[in-house]
Amino acid sequence: MPAFLDSDYAKVVGAVALATGDRERAEDAVQDALVKTLSGDTEPENLSGWVTVVAINFVRQAWRRTAAQGRAYVRAVVWDDTADDESERAVDAIAVREALDRLPERQRLAVTLHYFEGLTVDQVASALDVSSGTIKTQLSRGRAALARSLRREAA
């Protein structure tokens, strides 16, 4: 667990925040998922992926309870006018984040879990309780929508 906290915690929080659009809830959900892991009998094979999926499910459950799915977006970008490269990366990050925010929830979750968290198509399908074909469709549609959205941003 300490190795996970040192190497993967921030990445998992970022992935959950991308998938859910709410960094504060993402941090809370990841911590809740870690507590669930610690209180369980076994440690999952892919701890990072498991915690990500559980945390996303926690956030989705909270959405259902409050009927506020994805409306509370947090934009956490550090802007440094003196560093052009960092400024460009920040602008790119904002564009990608906004493009992800415009995706339907299923596409956003599939894209985030697969491309940002590195889960396989089968792992994403299992986590979201759908078929691999459904995930492939969601990934294809998500990539196409992101491409259209980012092309508009660049123009």
N, C-alpha and C. Protein backbone atom coordinates (compact mmCIF):
# COMPACT_ATOMS: atom_id res chain seq x y z
N MET A 1 0.81 -1.20 0.00
CA MET A 1 0.00 0.00 0.00
C MET A 1 0.86 1.27 0.00
N PRO A 2 1.96 1.34 0.80
CA PRO A 2 2.78 2.56 0.76
C PRO A 2 3.34 2.84 -0.63
N ALA A 3 3.70 1.79 -1.37
CA ALA A 3 4.22 1.99 -2.72
C ALA A 3 3.14 2.60 -3.61
N PHE A 4 1.90 2.14 -3.45
CA PHE A 4 0.79 2.70 -4.22
C PHE A 4 0.63 4.19 -3.91
N LEU A 5 0.67 4.52 -2.64
CA LEU A 5 0.49 5.93 -2.25
C LEU A 5 1.60 6.81 -2.82
N ASP A 6 2.81 6.29 -2.85
CA ASP A 6 3.94 7.07 -3.38
C ASP A 6 3.90 7.19 -4.90
N SER A 7 3.52 6.11 -5.58
CA SER A 7 3.65 6.12 -7.04
C SER A 7 2.35 6.31 -7.81
N ASP A 8 1.22 5.83 -7.31
CA ASP A 8 0.00 5.80 -8.11
C ASP A 8 -1.15 6.66 -7.60
N TYR A 9 -1.10 7.09 -6.36
CA TYR A 9 -2.24 7.79 -5.76
C TYR A 9 -2.65 9.02 -6.58
N ALA A 10 -1.70 9.89 -6.90
CA ALA A 10 -2.02 11.11 -7.64
C ALA A 10 -2.58 10.78 -9.02
N LYS A 11 -2.02 9.75 -9.66
CA LYS A 11 -2.50 9.35 -10.99
C LYS A 11 -3.95 8.85 -10.92
N VAL A 12 -4.25 8.09 -9.89
CA VAL A 12 -5.60 7.56 -9.73
C VAL A 12 -6.59 8.69 -9.44
N VAL A 13 -6.21 9.60 -8.55
CA VAL A 13 -7.09 10.74 -8.26
C VAL A 13 -7.34 11.54 -9.55
N GLY A 14 -6.28 11.75 -10.33
CA GLY A 14 -6.43 12.47 -11.61
C GLY A 14 -7.35 11.75 -12.57
N ALA A 15 -7.22 10.44 -12.66
CA ALA A 15 -8.08 9.66 -13.56
C ALA A 15 -9.54 9.72 -13.12
N VAL A 16 -9.76 9.61 -11.83
CA VAL A 16 -11.14 9.67 -11.32
C VAL A 16 -11.70 11.07 -11.54
N ALA A 17 -10.88 12.09 -11.33
CA ALA A 17 -11.33 13.46 -11.56
C ALA A 17 -11.67 13.68 -13.03
N LEU A 18 -10.86 13.13 -13.94
CA LEU A 18 -11.17 13.24 -15.37
C LEU A 18 -12.48 12.55 -15.71
N ALA A 19 -12.67 11.39 -15.13
CA ALA A 19 -13.87 10.61 -15.44
C ALA A 19 -15.12 11.24 -14.87
N THR A 20 -14.98 11.89 -13.73
CA THR A 20 -16.17 12.39 -13.03
C THR A 20 -16.35 13.88 -13.15
N GLY A 21 -15.29 14.61 -13.46
CA GLY A 21 -15.38 16.05 -13.57
C GLY A 21 -15.38 16.78 -12.24
N ASP A 22 -15.01 16.11 -11.16
CA ASP A 22 -15.05 16.73 -9.84
C ASP A 22 -13.86 16.24 -9.02
N ARG A 23 -12.83 17.08 -8.92
CA ARG A 23 -11.60 16.68 -8.25
C ARG A 23 -11.80 16.43 -6.75
N GLU A 24 -12.60 17.25 -6.09
CA GLU A 24 -12.82 17.06 -4.66
C GLU A 24 -13.49 15.72 -4.37
N ARG A 25 -14.53 15.42 -5.14
CA ARG A 25 -15.19 14.12 -4.96
C ARG A 25 -14.25 12.99 -5.33
N ALA A 26 -13.41 13.21 -6.34
CA ALA A 26 -12.46 12.18 -6.75
C ALA A 26 -11.51 11.85 -5.60
N GLU A 27 -10.98 12.86 -4.95
CA GLU A 27 -10.07 12.62 -3.82
C GLU A 27 -10.78 11.85 -2.71
N ASP A 28 -12.00 12.27 -2.38
CA ASP A 28 -12.76 11.58 -1.34
C ASP A 28 -13.04 10.13 -1.74
N ALA A 29 -13.44 9.93 -2.98
CA ALA A 29 -13.79 8.59 -3.45
C ALA A 29 -12.57 7.66 -3.47
N VAL A 30 -11.42 8.18 -3.88
CA VAL A 30 -10.20 7.36 -3.88
C VAL A 30 -9.84 6.97 -2.45
N GLN A 31 -9.96 7.90 -1.53
CA GLN A 31 -9.68 7.58 -0.13
C GLN A 31 -10.67 6.54 0.39
N ASP A 32 -11.93 6.67 0.03
CA ASP A 32 -12.93 5.68 0.45
C ASP A 32 -12.61 4.31 -0.16
N ALA A 33 -12.19 4.30 -1.41
CA ALA A 33 -11.83 3.03 -2.06
C ALA A 33 -10.62 2.39 -1.39
N LEU A 34 -9.67 3.21 -0.97
CA LEU A 34 -8.51 2.67 -0.26
C LEU A 34 -8.92 2.07 1.08
N VAL A 35 -9.84 2.74 1.78
CA VAL A 35 -10.34 2.20 3.05
C VAL A 35 -11.02 0.86 2.80
N LYS A 36 -11.80 0.79 1.74
CA LYS A 36 -12.48 -0.46 1.39
C LYS A 36 -11.45 -1.56 1.12
N THR A 37 -10.36 -1.20 0.44
CA THR A 37 -9.30 -2.17 0.15
C THR A 37 -8.64 -2.65 1.44
N LEU A 38 -8.33 -1.72 2.31
CA LEU A 38 -7.66 -2.08 3.57
C LEU A 38 -8.54 -2.95 4.46
N SER A 39 -9.86 -2.75 4.39
CA SER A 39 -10.76 -3.53 5.23
C SER A 39 -11.13 -4.87 4.60
N GLY A 40 -10.72 -5.08 3.35
CA GLY A 40 -11.02 -6.33 2.66
C GLY A 40 -10.04 -7.43 3.01
N ASP A 41 -10.36 -8.65 2.58
CA ASP A 41 -9.53 -9.81 2.87
C ASP A 41 -8.36 -9.97 1.91
N THR A 42 -8.53 -9.53 0.68
CA THR A 42 -7.48 -9.73 -0.32
C THR A 42 -7.14 -8.41 -1.00
N GLU A 43 -5.94 -8.35 -1.54
CA GLU A 43 -5.53 -7.18 -2.30
C GLU A 43 -5.70 -7.50 -3.79
N PRO A 44 -6.37 -6.62 -4.52
CA PRO A 44 -6.59 -6.87 -5.95
C PRO A 44 -5.27 -6.98 -6.71
N GLU A 45 -5.30 -7.71 -7.81
CA GLU A 45 -4.11 -7.87 -8.65
C GLU A 45 -3.63 -6.53 -9.19
N ASN A 46 -4.55 -5.73 -9.71
CA ASN A 46 -4.23 -4.41 -10.25
C ASN A 46 -4.84 -3.37 -9.30
N LEU A 47 -4.10 -3.04 -8.26
CA LEU A 47 -4.62 -2.16 -7.22
C LEU A 47 -5.02 -0.80 -7.78
N SER A 48 -4.20 -0.24 -8.65
CA SER A 48 -4.48 1.07 -9.22
C SER A 48 -5.79 1.06 -10.00
N GLY A 49 -5.96 0.09 -10.86
CA GLY A 49 -7.18 -0.02 -11.65
C GLY A 49 -8.40 -0.28 -10.78
N TRP A 50 -8.24 -1.16 -9.79
CA TRP A 50 -9.35 -1.49 -8.91
C TRP A 50 -9.80 -0.27 -8.13
N VAL A 51 -8.85 0.46 -7.55
CA VAL A 51 -9.19 1.65 -6.76
C VAL A 51 -9.86 2.69 -7.66
N THR A 52 -9.37 2.83 -8.89
CA THR A 52 -9.97 3.79 -9.82
C THR A 52 -11.42 3.45 -10.09
N VAL A 53 -11.69 2.20 -10.39
CA VAL A 53 -13.05 1.77 -10.71
C VAL A 53 -13.96 1.91 -9.49
N VAL A 54 -13.50 1.48 -8.34
CA VAL A 54 -14.31 1.59 -7.12
C VAL A 54 -14.60 3.06 -6.81
N ALA A 55 -13.58 3.90 -6.94
CA ALA A 55 -13.76 5.33 -6.66
C ALA A 55 -14.76 5.95 -7.63
N ILE A 56 -14.66 5.60 -8.90
CA ILE A 56 -15.62 6.12 -9.88
C ILE A 56 -17.03 5.66 -9.53
N ASN A 57 -17.16 4.42 -9.12
CA ASN A 57 -18.49 3.92 -8.73
C ASN A 57 -19.01 4.67 -7.51
N PHE A 58 -18.14 4.99 -6.56
CA PHE A 58 -18.57 5.77 -5.40
C PHE A 58 -19.11 7.13 -5.85
N VAL A 59 -18.41 7.76 -6.76
CA VAL A 59 -18.85 9.07 -7.24
C VAL A 59 -20.17 8.93 -7.97
N ARG A 60 -20.29 7.92 -8.81
CA ARG A 60 -21.55 7.72 -9.54
C ARG A 60 -22.72 7.48 -8.59
N GLN A 61 -22.48 6.75 -7.51
CA GLN A 61 -23.53 6.54 -6.52
C GLN A 61 -23.94 7.86 -5.87
N ALA A 62 -22.97 8.70 -5.59
CA ALA A 62 -23.28 10.01 -5.01
C ALA A 62 -24.10 10.84 -5.98
N TRP A 63 -23.77 10.76 -7.28
CA TRP A 63 -24.54 11.47 -8.29
C TRP A 63 -26.00 11.03 -8.26
N ARG A 64 -26.20 9.72 -8.18
CA ARG A 64 -27.58 9.22 -8.18
C ARG A 64 -28.34 9.73 -6.96
N ARG A 65 -27.67 9.75 -5.82
CA ARG A 65 -28.33 10.21 -4.59
C ARG A 65 -28.68 11.68 -4.67
N THR A 66 -27.84 12.49 -5.25
CA THR A 66 -28.07 13.93 -5.25
C THR A 66 -28.63 14.46 -6.56
N ALA A 67 -28.72 13.62 -7.58
CA ALA A 67 -29.23 14.02 -8.90
C ALA A 67 -28.48 15.23 -9.46
N ALA A 68 -27.18 15.26 -9.22
CA ALA A 68 -26.38 16.38 -9.70
C ALA A 68 -25.24 15.89 -10.56
N GLN A 69 -25.53 14.96 -11.46
CA GLN A 69 -24.49 14.32 -12.25
C GLN A 69 -23.65 15.33 -13.03
N GLY A 70 -22.40 15.41 -12.64
CA GLY A 70 -21.42 16.15 -13.42
C GLY A 70 -21.59 17.65 -13.51
N ARG A 71 -22.37 18.29 -12.64
CA ARG A 71 -22.57 19.73 -12.78
C ARG A 71 -21.57 20.56 -12.00
N ALA A 72 -20.88 19.93 -11.05
CA ALA A 72 -19.95 20.68 -10.22
C ALA A 72 -18.53 20.43 -10.69
N TYR A 73 -18.11 21.11 -11.74
CA TYR A 73 -16.79 20.89 -12.31
C TYR A 73 -15.76 21.78 -11.63
N VAL A 74 -14.60 21.20 -11.37
CA VAL A 74 -13.52 21.95 -10.75
C VAL A 74 -12.41 22.08 -11.78
N ARG A 75 -11.98 23.29 -11.98
CA ARG A 75 -10.87 23.52 -12.90
C ARG A 75 -9.64 23.87 -12.06
N ALA A 76 -8.72 22.93 -12.00
CA ALA A 76 -7.53 23.14 -11.19
C ALA A 76 -6.31 23.18 -12.11
N VAL A 77 -6.00 24.36 -12.58
CA VAL A 77 -4.84 24.52 -13.46
C VAL A 77 -3.96 25.61 -12.88
N VAL A 78 -2.69 25.30 -12.77
CA VAL A 78 -1.73 26.30 -12.31
C VAL A 78 -1.21 27.01 -13.54
N TRP A 79 -1.35 28.32 -13.57
CA TRP A 79 -0.93 29.11 -14.72
C TRP A 79 0.35 29.85 -14.39
N ASP A 80 1.35 29.71 -15.23
CA ASP A 80 2.64 30.36 -15.00
C ASP A 80 3.00 31.12 -16.27
N ASP A 81 2.81 32.45 -16.24
CA ASP A 81 3.06 33.26 -17.42
C ASP A 81 4.51 33.27 -17.84
N THR A 82 5.43 32.95 -16.94
CA THR A 82 6.85 33.02 -17.28
C THR A 82 7.34 31.78 -18.01
N ALA A 83 6.57 30.73 -18.00
CA ALA A 83 7.00 29.49 -18.64
C ALA A 83 6.04 29.16 -19.77
N ASP A 84 6.45 29.48 -21.01
CA ASP A 84 5.58 29.26 -22.16
C ASP A 84 5.19 27.80 -22.32
N ASP A 85 6.14 26.88 -22.11
CA ASP A 85 5.81 25.46 -22.26
C ASP A 85 4.74 25.05 -21.26
N GLU A 86 4.89 25.47 -20.02
CA GLU A 86 3.89 25.13 -19.02
C GLU A 86 2.56 25.78 -19.35
N SER A 87 2.59 27.01 -19.84
CA SER A 87 1.36 27.70 -20.20
C SER A 87 0.66 26.96 -21.33
N GLU A 88 1.42 26.54 -22.32
CA GLU A 88 0.83 25.79 -23.44
C GLU A 88 0.25 24.46 -22.95
N ARG A 89 0.97 23.78 -22.06
CA ARG A 89 0.44 22.52 -21.52
C ARG A 89 -0.84 22.77 -20.73
N ALA A 90 -0.88 23.87 -19.99
CA ALA A 90 -2.08 24.20 -19.22
C ALA A 90 -3.25 24.46 -20.16
N VAL A 91 -3.00 25.20 -21.23
CA VAL A 91 -4.06 25.48 -22.21
C VAL A 91 -4.52 24.17 -22.85
N ASP A 92 -3.57 23.30 -23.21
CA ASP A 92 -3.93 22.01 -23.78
C ASP A 92 -4.73 21.18 -22.79
N ALA A 93 -4.30 21.19 -21.52
CA ALA A 93 -5.01 20.43 -20.50
C ALA A 93 -6.44 20.93 -20.33
N ILE A 94 -6.61 22.24 -20.38
CA ILE A 94 -7.96 22.81 -20.26
C ILE A 94 -8.81 22.37 -21.45
N ALA A 95 -8.24 22.42 -22.65
CA ALA A 95 -8.99 22.03 -23.85
C ALA A 95 -9.40 20.56 -23.78
N VAL A 96 -8.49 19.70 -23.37
CA VAL A 96 -8.81 18.27 -23.27
C VAL A 96 -9.85 18.06 -22.18
N ARG A 97 -9.68 18.72 -21.06
CA ARG A 97 -10.64 18.59 -19.96
C ARG A 97 -12.03 19.03 -20.38
N GLU A 98 -12.11 20.17 -21.06
CA GLU A 98 -13.41 20.66 -21.51
C GLU A 98 -14.01 19.71 -22.55
N ALA A 99 -13.18 19.17 -23.42
CA ALA A 99 -13.67 18.21 -24.42
C ALA A 99 -14.18 16.95 -23.72
N LEU A 100 -13.47 16.47 -22.72
CA LEU A 100 -13.93 15.31 -21.96
C LEU A 100 -15.24 15.60 -21.23
N ASP A 101 -15.35 16.81 -20.68
CA ASP A 101 -16.56 17.19 -19.96
C ASP A 101 -17.79 17.15 -20.86
N ARG A 102 -17.60 17.40 -22.16
CA ARG A 102 -18.74 17.42 -23.09
C ARG A 102 -19.16 16.02 -23.54
N LEU A 103 -18.34 15.01 -23.27
CA LEU A 103 -18.71 13.65 -23.65
C LEU A 103 -19.83 13.13 -22.76
N PRO A 104 -20.68 12.27 -23.30
CA PRO A 104 -21.66 11.59 -22.44
C PRO A 104 -20.92 10.77 -21.37
N GLU A 105 -21.55 10.55 -20.25
CA GLU A 105 -20.90 9.90 -19.11
C GLU A 105 -20.24 8.56 -19.48
N ARG A 106 -20.94 7.71 -20.20
CA ARG A 106 -20.38 6.38 -20.54
C ARG A 106 -19.12 6.50 -21.39
N GLN A 107 -19.14 7.42 -22.36
CA GLN A 107 -17.95 7.62 -23.18
C GLN A 107 -16.81 8.19 -22.35
N ARG A 108 -17.11 9.17 -21.50
CA ARG A 108 -16.09 9.79 -20.66
C ARG A 108 -15.45 8.75 -19.74
N LEU A 109 -16.26 7.89 -19.13
CA LEU A 109 -15.72 6.86 -18.26
C LEU A 109 -14.85 5.87 -19.04
N ALA A 110 -15.34 5.42 -20.17
CA ALA A 110 -14.57 4.46 -20.97
C ALA A 110 -13.24 5.07 -21.43
N VAL A 111 -13.28 6.29 -21.95
CA VAL A 111 -12.06 6.96 -22.42
C VAL A 111 -11.08 7.15 -21.28
N THR A 112 -11.56 7.62 -20.15
CA THR A 112 -10.68 7.88 -19.01
C THR A 112 -10.05 6.60 -18.49
N LEU A 113 -10.86 5.57 -18.29
CA LEU A 113 -10.32 4.32 -17.76
C LEU A 113 -9.34 3.66 -18.72
N HIS A 114 -9.65 3.71 -20.01
CA HIS A 114 -8.80 3.04 -20.98
C HIS A 114 -7.54 3.83 -21.30
N TYR A 115 -7.69 5.10 -21.65
CA TYR A 115 -6.55 5.87 -22.13
C TYR A 115 -5.76 6.56 -21.02
N PHE A 116 -6.42 7.00 -19.96
CA PHE A 116 -5.71 7.72 -18.91
C PHE A 116 -5.29 6.81 -17.77
N GLU A 117 -6.07 5.77 -17.51
CA GLU A 117 -5.73 4.86 -16.42
C GLU A 117 -5.05 3.60 -16.93
N GLY A 118 -5.17 3.32 -18.23
CA GLY A 118 -4.45 2.19 -18.82
C GLY A 118 -5.11 0.84 -18.66
N LEU A 119 -6.41 0.82 -18.34
CA LEU A 119 -7.10 -0.47 -18.25
C LEU A 119 -7.36 -1.01 -19.65
N THR A 120 -7.38 -2.33 -19.76
CA THR A 120 -7.70 -2.95 -21.04
C THR A 120 -9.19 -2.79 -21.32
N VAL A 121 -9.58 -3.05 -22.55
CA VAL A 121 -10.99 -2.98 -22.92
C VAL A 121 -11.80 -3.94 -22.04
N ASP A 122 -11.29 -5.15 -21.85
CA ASP A 122 -12.00 -6.13 -21.03
C ASP A 122 -12.12 -5.68 -19.57
N GLN A 123 -11.07 -5.04 -19.03
CA GLN A 123 -11.12 -4.55 -17.65
C GLN A 123 -12.15 -3.43 -17.51
N VAL A 124 -12.18 -2.54 -18.50
CA VAL A 124 -13.16 -1.45 -18.47
C VAL A 124 -14.57 -2.03 -18.56
N ALA A 125 -14.76 -3.00 -19.46
CA ALA A 125 -16.07 -3.63 -19.61
C ALA A 125 -16.51 -4.27 -18.30
N SER A 126 -15.61 -4.98 -17.66
CA SER A 126 -15.93 -5.62 -16.39
C SER A 126 -16.26 -4.58 -15.32
N ALA A 127 -15.48 -3.52 -15.27
CA ALA A 127 -15.69 -2.48 -14.25
C ALA A 127 -17.03 -1.78 -14.43
N LEU A 128 -17.43 -1.57 -15.68
CA LEU A 128 -18.67 -0.85 -15.95
C LEU A 128 -19.85 -1.79 -16.17
N ASP A 129 -19.58 -3.10 -16.07
CA ASP A 129 -20.62 -4.12 -16.18
C ASP A 129 -21.35 -4.06 -17.53
N VAL A 130 -20.54 -3.97 -18.60
CA VAL A 130 -21.07 -4.01 -19.96
C VAL A 130 -20.16 -4.92 -20.79
N SER A 131 -20.53 -5.17 -22.03
CA SER A 131 -19.72 -6.04 -22.87
C SER A 131 -18.50 -5.30 -23.42
N SER A 132 -17.51 -6.06 -23.85
CA SER A 132 -16.32 -5.47 -24.47
C SER A 132 -16.69 -4.72 -25.75
N GLY A 133 -17.65 -5.23 -26.48
CA GLY A 133 -18.10 -4.56 -27.70
C GLY A 133 -18.68 -3.19 -27.41
N THR A 134 -19.42 -3.10 -26.31
CA THR A 134 -19.98 -1.80 -25.91
C THR A 134 -18.86 -0.82 -25.60
N ILE A 135 -17.83 -1.29 -24.91
CA ILE A 135 -16.71 -0.40 -24.58
C ILE A 135 -15.99 0.02 -25.85
N LYS A 136 -15.79 -0.89 -26.78
CA LYS A 136 -15.14 -0.53 -28.04
C LYS A 136 -15.95 0.54 -28.78
N THR A 137 -17.26 0.40 -28.77
CA THR A 137 -18.12 1.40 -29.40
C THR A 137 -18.00 2.74 -28.68
N GLN A 138 -18.04 2.71 -27.35
CA GLN A 138 -17.93 3.95 -26.57
C GLN A 138 -16.58 4.62 -26.80
N LEU A 139 -15.52 3.83 -26.88
CA LEU A 139 -14.18 4.39 -27.13
C LEU A 139 -14.11 5.02 -28.52
N SER A 140 -14.67 4.34 -29.51
CA SER A 140 -14.66 4.87 -30.86
C SER A 140 -15.43 6.18 -30.95
N ARG A 141 -16.62 6.19 -30.38
CA ARG A 141 -17.43 7.41 -30.40
C ARG A 141 -16.78 8.52 -29.58
N GLY A 142 -16.19 8.15 -28.45
CA GLY A 142 -15.51 9.14 -27.61
C GLY A 142 -14.31 9.76 -28.32
N ARG A 143 -13.50 8.94 -29.00
CA ARG A 143 -12.35 9.46 -29.76
C ARG A 143 -12.82 10.41 -30.85
N ALA A 144 -13.86 10.02 -31.55
CA ALA A 144 -14.37 10.86 -32.64
C ALA A 144 -14.88 12.19 -32.10
N ALA A 145 -15.63 12.15 -31.01
CA ALA A 145 -16.15 13.40 -30.42
C ALA A 145 -15.02 14.27 -29.90
N LEU A 146 -14.02 13.66 -29.27
CA LEU A 146 -12.87 14.43 -28.78
C LEU A 146 -12.13 15.08 -29.94
N ALA A 147 -11.93 14.34 -31.02
CA ALA A 147 -11.23 14.88 -32.18
C ALA A 147 -11.98 16.08 -32.75
N ARG A 148 -13.31 15.95 -32.90
CA ARG A 148 -14.10 17.07 -33.42
C ARG A 148 -14.00 18.28 -32.48
N SER A 149 -14.13 18.03 -31.21
CA SER A 149 -14.12 19.10 -30.23
C SER A 149 -12.76 19.80 -30.19
N LEU A 150 -11.69 19.03 -30.21
CA LEU A 150 -10.35 19.62 -30.13
C LEU A 150 -9.98 20.33 -31.43
N ARG A 151 -10.49 19.84 -32.57
CA ARG A 151 -10.26 20.55 -33.84
C ARG A 151 -10.94 21.92 -33.80
N ARG A 152 -12.16 21.97 -33.25
CA ARG A 152 -12.86 23.26 -33.12
C ARG A 152 -12.09 24.19 -32.21
N GLU A 153 -11.53 23.67 -31.11
CA GLU A 153 -10.75 24.49 -30.19
C GLU A 153 -9.51 25.06 -30.87
N ALA A 154 -8.89 24.26 -31.72
CA ALA A 154 -7.66 24.69 -32.37
C ALA A 154 -7.92 25.73 -33.47
N ALA A 155 -9.12 25.68 -34.04
CA ALA A 155 -9.43 26.58 -35.17
C ALA A 155 -9.73 27.98 -34.74
